Protein backbone atom coordinates (compact mmCIF):
# COMPACT_ATOMS: atom_id res chain seq x y z
CA MET A 1 0.05 0.01 -0.28
CA VAL A 2 1.10 3.38 -0.91
CA LYS A 3 0.53 6.25 1.20
CA MET A 4 0.20 9.49 -0.51
CA THR A 5 1.18 12.64 1.17
CA LYS A 6 0.63 16.05 0.37
CA SER A 7 3.54 17.91 -0.77
CA LYS A 8 3.87 21.65 0.62
CA THR A 9 3.87 24.43 -2.24
CA PHE A 10 5.43 27.65 -2.01
CA GLN A 11 4.76 30.83 -3.68
CA ALA A 12 8.17 31.65 -5.05
CA TYR A 13 11.32 28.89 -5.21
CA LEU A 14 14.60 30.46 -5.43
CA PRO A 15 17.45 29.03 -7.87
CA ASN A 16 19.34 26.15 -6.27
CA CYS A 17 22.33 27.99 -7.70
CA HIS A 18 22.21 30.33 -5.33
CA ARG A 19 22.72 30.82 -1.32
CA THR A 20 19.52 31.08 0.07
CA TYR A 21 18.15 31.87 3.45
CA SER A 22 14.96 29.92 4.64
CA CYS A 23 12.19 29.34 7.13
CA ILE A 24 13.78 27.41 9.79
CA HIS A 25 9.97 25.98 10.89
CA CYS A 26 8.94 24.42 7.16
CA ARG A 27 12.01 25.67 5.14
CA ALA A 28 9.90 28.03 2.47
CA HIS A 29 12.44 30.16 1.01
CA LEU A 30 12.82 33.63 2.36
CA ALA A 31 15.17 35.42 0.82
CA ASN A 32 18.60 35.34 -1.62
CA HIS A 33 21.85 35.87 -0.41
CA ASP A 34 22.60 38.71 -2.86
CA GLU A 35 19.40 40.50 -1.11
CA LEU A 36 21.21 40.63 2.16
CA ILE A 37 21.93 44.42 3.31
CA SER A 38 23.60 43.96 6.74
CA LYS A 39 24.03 41.44 9.56
CA SER A 40 24.00 43.79 12.02
CA PHE A 41 20.35 44.64 13.23
CA GLN A 42 19.06 43.14 16.69
CA GLY A 43 15.29 41.95 16.34
CA SER A 44 13.33 41.22 19.41
CA GLN A 45 14.66 37.36 19.91
CA GLY A 46 18.40 38.55 19.37
CA ARG A 47 20.35 39.03 15.99
CA ALA A 48 18.78 40.06 12.88
CA TYR A 49 19.25 40.53 8.81
CA LEU A 50 18.09 43.10 6.82
CA PHE A 51 17.30 42.50 3.42
CA ASN A 52 16.06 44.71 0.47
CA SER A 53 13.90 41.80 -0.43
CA VAL A 54 12.08 38.75 0.26
CA VAL A 55 9.67 36.22 -1.04
CA ASN A 56 7.02 33.62 0.18
CA VAL A 57 6.63 36.40 3.33
CA GLY A 58 3.19 38.17 3.75
CA TRP A 59 2.63 41.42 6.42
CA GLY A 60 0.01 42.66 8.56
CA PRO A 61 -0.68 46.62 9.10
CA ALA A 62 1.67 48.88 10.16
CA GLU A 63 2.08 50.56 13.21
CA GLU A 64 4.68 52.57 14.84
CA ARG A 65 7.35 51.64 17.34
CA VAL A 66 10.00 52.87 19.09
CA LEU A 67 13.22 50.47 17.86
CA LEU A 68 16.90 51.27 18.73
CA THR A 69 17.31 53.71 16.20
CA GLY A 70 14.09 55.72 16.79
CA LEU A 71 10.56 55.55 15.88
CA HIS A 72 9.50 53.46 12.65
CA ALA A 73 6.24 52.51 11.24
CA VAL A 74 6.74 49.09 11.10
CA ALA A 75 4.61 45.82 9.93
CA ASP A 76 5.47 42.73 11.40
CA ILE A 77 6.30 40.31 8.70
CA TYR A 78 5.32 36.23 8.79
CA CYS A 79 6.05 33.07 6.79
CA GLU A 80 3.10 32.71 4.14
CA ASN A 81 3.32 28.94 4.24
CA CYS A 82 3.57 28.30 8.18
CA LYS A 83 2.40 31.59 9.69
CA THR A 84 5.97 32.28 12.08
CA THR A 85 6.46 35.74 13.05
CA LEU A 86 9.60 36.28 11.10
CA GLY A 87 10.50 39.98 11.87
CA TRP A 88 9.04 43.22 10.34
CA LYS A 89 8.94 45.52 7.11
CA TYR A 90 10.02 49.16 7.87
CA GLU A 91 7.33 50.90 5.93
CA HIS A 92 8.35 54.69 7.12
CA ALA A 93 11.44 56.15 9.24
CA PHE A 94 10.82 59.28 10.83
CA GLU A 95 14.55 60.19 11.22
CA SER A 96 16.24 61.35 7.62
CA SER A 97 19.23 59.02 8.41
CA GLN A 98 16.75 55.88 8.79
CA LYS A 99 15.31 56.54 5.86
CA TYR A 100 17.53 53.97 3.62
CA LYS A 101 15.51 51.10 5.89
CA GLU A 102 11.93 52.46 4.13
CA GLY A 103 10.70 49.21 2.00
CA LYS A 104 13.30 46.73 3.72
CA PHE A 105 12.96 43.58 5.87
CA ILE A 106 14.07 42.34 8.65
CA ILE A 107 14.18 38.42 9.78
CA GLU A 108 15.38 37.30 13.25
CA LEU A 109 17.88 34.57 13.01
CA ALA A 110 15.90 32.31 15.05
CA HIS A 111 13.60 32.04 12.67
CA MET A 112 15.97 31.37 9.59
CA ILE A 113 18.07 28.72 8.21
CA LYS A 114 20.90 28.88 5.62
CA ASP A 115 20.02 26.53 2.49
CA ASN A 116 21.46 25.64 -1.01
CA GLY A 117 25.59 25.97 -1.51
CA TRP A 118 26.69 27.27 2.01
CA GLU A 119 29.38 25.52 2.65
């Protein structure tokens, strides 16, 4: 007897030839290493990375929060596959020195794993 299982399908698959970051909980692709801007960020659960763009991620409504670098309007982001909260998206920075973060994404290291081509 063959047991049929439903495989998970993601909205986007990143190319196998690129180093990628995936959700540690369900292995959905999240970001290509080429989209990494900085490894010097702090999330609510420890270290976090700033990405220019991500895939398989949804976000909620923006809200104003005072972060380490000042007041920002941010939206929590979550994995579209397993719904785990991963970090946040910067919607608006109120200080001019922080404007480069607008439209960028923070993913906490506690929620991602390196996939494809890391040695």
